[in-house]
Amino acid sequence: MESNVGASMEGKLPLFIVTGSSGSGKTFVIPELRGIMPDFDIHDIDSLREVGVTDEQTIRNVWLRVAKNAAESGRMTIICGTAMTWDIEKCFDFAYFKHVYYLNLHCDDQTREQRLRARHWPEDMIEDYKKFAAWLVENADKAYSPPMPVVDTTAAHVADIAAQIKNWVLRYA
């Protein structure tokens, strides 16, 4: 990876976070991303919850430590999962990265409702996550620097979504 050489010379690599409200397709896109981006470490932030880690800041700290360790080996990391800038900035290893870039996966409300109902989510939580999704879109260019791109997953094929993510990453890698 040519882009990695320049970043290594500066001593720090960037970190990439694919965020979005629940039901947007973050976990769904991971296998496709791994297939088209084998030179990157790609992780699902929720996988720690599956082994019993429940404290949100601990989860973020662990993933940034994993990404730091990968960076020390010259590999860049993409973390897929809901993560907000102000929470990531509190992580022990935040300063280790050249920059943390965010991309938002988003789908329309009807699609989000269908996806979350299929997971047997209660209606009040579905409504909360629809509001959160709207907030992310509304604040993509206000709360993020550079402005956070939004990728619509409503009807897009997973290969197209992964390709958009790859193009975004390679702009900054």
Protein backbone atom coordinates (compact mmCIF):
# COMPACT_ATOMS: atom_id res chain seq x y z
CA MET A 1 0.00 0.00 0.00
CA GLU A 2 1.78 3.11 -1.16
CA SER A 3 -0.41 5.42 0.89
CA ASN A 4 0.69 3.60 4.04
CA VAL A 5 4.34 4.50 3.49
CA GLY A 6 3.77 8.24 3.79
CA ALA A 7 1.63 7.87 6.87
CA SER A 8 4.23 5.64 8.54
CA MET A 9 6.93 8.22 7.92
CA GLU A 10 4.89 10.72 9.90
CA GLY A 11 4.63 8.18 12.71
CA LYS A 12 0.87 7.90 12.76
CA LEU A 13 -1.81 6.26 10.64
CA PRO A 14 -5.44 7.31 10.28
CA LEU A 15 -8.32 5.32 11.76
CA PHE A 16 -11.60 4.83 9.91
CA ILE A 17 -14.99 4.41 11.56
CA VAL A 18 -18.07 3.33 9.63
CA THR A 19 -20.87 4.46 11.91
CA GLY A 20 -24.63 4.78 11.66
CA SER A 21 -27.77 4.10 13.59
CA SER A 22 -28.83 0.52 14.23
CA GLY A 23 -30.22 -1.19 11.17
CA SER A 24 -28.13 0.79 8.69
CA GLY A 25 -26.02 -2.15 7.50
CA LYS A 26 -22.72 -1.74 9.35
CA THR A 27 -22.35 -5.40 10.30
CA PHE A 28 -23.83 -6.58 6.99
CA VAL A 29 -21.13 -4.85 4.92
CA ILE A 30 -18.14 -6.22 6.87
CA PRO A 31 -17.64 -9.50 4.93
CA GLU A 32 -17.78 -7.62 1.62
CA LEU A 33 -15.31 -5.01 2.87
CA ARG A 34 -12.91 -7.71 4.05
CA GLY A 35 -13.06 -9.26 0.60
CA ILE A 36 -12.20 -6.07 -1.27
CA MET A 37 -9.83 -4.55 1.32
CA PRO A 38 -7.52 -7.36 2.46
CA ASP A 39 -4.76 -4.91 3.46
CA PHE A 40 -6.98 -3.39 6.17
CA ASP A 41 -8.04 -4.77 9.53
CA ILE A 42 -11.84 -4.55 9.66
CA HIS A 43 -13.73 -5.09 12.90
CA ASP A 44 -17.32 -5.12 14.14
CA ILE A 45 -17.50 -3.02 17.31
CA ASP A 46 -20.40 -5.20 18.55
CA SER A 47 -18.38 -8.41 18.60
CA LEU A 48 -17.13 -7.60 22.11
CA ARG A 49 -20.72 -7.47 23.34
CA GLU A 50 -21.13 -11.04 22.09
CA VAL A 51 -18.49 -12.17 24.61
CA GLY A 52 -19.96 -10.24 27.52
CA VAL A 53 -18.22 -6.87 27.44
CA THR A 54 -21.00 -4.37 28.10
CA ASP A 55 -19.34 -1.12 29.17
CA GLU A 56 -19.42 1.17 26.13
CA GLN A 57 -16.22 3.09 26.92
CA THR A 58 -14.35 -0.15 27.58
CA ILE A 59 -15.50 -1.41 24.18
CA ARG A 60 -14.25 1.74 22.48
CA ASN A 61 -10.93 1.62 24.38
CA VAL A 62 -10.37 -2.02 23.38
CA TRP A 63 -11.03 -1.35 19.69
CA LEU A 64 -8.74 1.67 19.59
CA ARG A 65 -6.04 -0.40 21.30
CA VAL A 66 -6.51 -3.13 18.68
CA ALA A 67 -6.28 -0.49 15.93
CA LYS A 68 -3.17 1.00 17.54
CA ASN A 69 -1.52 -2.41 17.65
CA ALA A 70 -2.38 -2.96 13.98
CA ALA A 71 -0.98 0.48 13.12
CA GLU A 72 2.27 -0.40 14.87
CA SER A 73 2.51 -3.22 12.31
CA GLY A 74 1.81 -0.78 9.48
CA ARG A 75 -1.83 -1.81 8.96
CA MET A 76 -4.79 0.55 8.97
CA THR A 77 -8.07 -0.31 10.65
CA ILE A 78 -11.73 0.20 9.85
CA ILE A 79 -14.09 -0.14 12.81
CA CYS A 80 -17.74 -0.70 11.92
CA GLY A 81 -20.13 0.32 14.67
CA THR A 82 -21.94 3.22 16.21
CA ALA A 83 -19.30 5.55 17.59
CA MET A 84 -19.47 9.25 18.25
CA THR A 85 -16.51 11.61 17.99
CA TRP A 86 -16.78 12.82 21.58
CA ASP A 87 -16.67 9.22 22.85
CA ILE A 88 -13.76 8.16 20.63
CA GLU A 89 -11.80 11.25 21.70
CA LYS A 90 -11.97 9.98 25.32
CA CYS A 91 -10.18 6.73 24.44
CA PHE A 92 -6.71 6.12 25.84
CA ASP A 93 -5.20 5.65 22.38
CA PHE A 94 -7.03 8.41 20.50
CA ALA A 95 -3.93 10.61 20.21
CA TYR A 96 -2.02 7.77 18.57
CA PHE A 97 -3.90 8.25 15.28
CA LYS A 98 -3.11 10.82 12.63
CA HIS A 99 -6.86 11.46 12.27
CA VAL A 100 -10.11 9.59 12.87
CA TYR A 101 -12.43 9.67 9.87
CA TYR A 102 -16.14 8.85 10.02
CA LEU A 103 -18.59 7.64 7.38
CA ASN A 104 -22.31 7.24 8.11
CA LEU A 105 -24.35 4.35 6.74
CA HIS A 106 -28.00 5.39 6.54
CA CYS A 107 -31.29 3.98 5.33
CA ASP A 108 -34.80 5.38 5.15
CA ASP A 109 -37.11 5.05 8.16
CA GLN A 110 -39.28 2.33 6.63
CA THR A 111 -36.25 0.15 5.87
CA ARG A 112 -34.81 0.74 9.36
CA GLU A 113 -38.14 -0.22 10.92
CA GLN A 114 -38.25 -3.46 8.90
CA ARG A 115 -34.68 -4.36 9.77
CA LEU A 116 -35.10 -3.68 13.49
CA ARG A 117 -38.48 -5.40 13.71
CA ALA A 118 -36.85 -8.47 12.18
CA ARG A 119 -34.52 -8.35 15.22
CA HIS A 120 -37.59 -8.14 17.49
CA TRP A 121 -36.78 -4.64 18.73
CA PRO A 122 -39.49 -2.85 20.75
CA GLU A 123 -41.27 0.00 18.97
CA ASP A 124 -39.99 2.70 21.35
CA MET A 125 -36.38 1.72 20.64
CA ILE A 126 -37.05 1.72 16.91
CA GLU A 127 -38.38 5.27 17.18
CA ASP A 128 -35.33 6.35 19.22
CA TYR A 129 -32.95 4.95 16.62
CA LYS A 130 -34.84 6.59 13.77
CA LYS A 131 -34.37 9.93 15.55
CA PHE A 132 -30.70 9.20 16.11
CA ALA A 133 -30.30 8.34 12.41
CA ALA A 134 -31.85 11.68 11.47
CA TRP A 135 -29.50 13.48 13.87
CA LEU A 136 -26.47 11.82 12.25
CA VAL A 137 -27.54 12.98 8.79
CA GLU A 138 -28.37 16.50 9.99
CA ASN A 139 -25.01 16.84 11.76
CA ALA A 140 -22.75 15.09 9.27
CA ASP A 141 -21.20 18.37 8.17
CA LYS A 142 -21.40 20.13 11.55
CA ALA A 143 -20.05 17.66 14.13
CA TYR A 144 -17.42 16.00 11.94
CA SER A 145 -14.22 17.24 10.33
CA PRO A 146 -13.95 16.61 7.49
CA PRO A 147 -17.72 16.41 6.98
CA MET A 148 -18.96 12.85 7.37
CA PRO A 149 -20.15 11.31 4.10
CA VAL A 150 -23.51 9.56 4.16
CA VAL A 151 -23.98 6.33 2.22
CA ASP A 152 -27.60 5.32 1.63
CA THR A 153 -28.07 1.59 2.20
CA THR A 154 -31.84 1.56 1.66
CA ALA A 155 -31.82 -0.21 -1.69
CA ALA A 156 -28.12 -0.40 -2.54
CA HIS A 157 -26.39 -3.71 -3.15
CA VAL A 158 -23.81 -4.61 -0.49
CA ALA A 159 -21.03 -4.62 -3.11
CA ASP A 160 -21.88 -1.03 -4.06
CA ILE A 161 -21.90 0.05 -0.41
CA ALA A 162 -18.53 -1.61 0.20
CA ALA A 163 -17.10 0.04 -2.93
CA GLN A 164 -18.21 3.47 -1.69
CA ILE A 165 -16.59 2.81 1.68
CA LYS A 166 -13.39 1.64 0.00
CA ASN A 167 -13.24 4.76 -2.18
CA TRP A 168 -13.74 6.95 0.89
CA VAL A 169 -11.00 5.16 2.87
CA LEU A 170 -8.51 5.32 0.02
CA ARG A 171 -8.97 9.10 -0.19
CA TYR A 172 -7.44 9.45 3.26
CA ALA A 173 -5.28 6.32 3.62
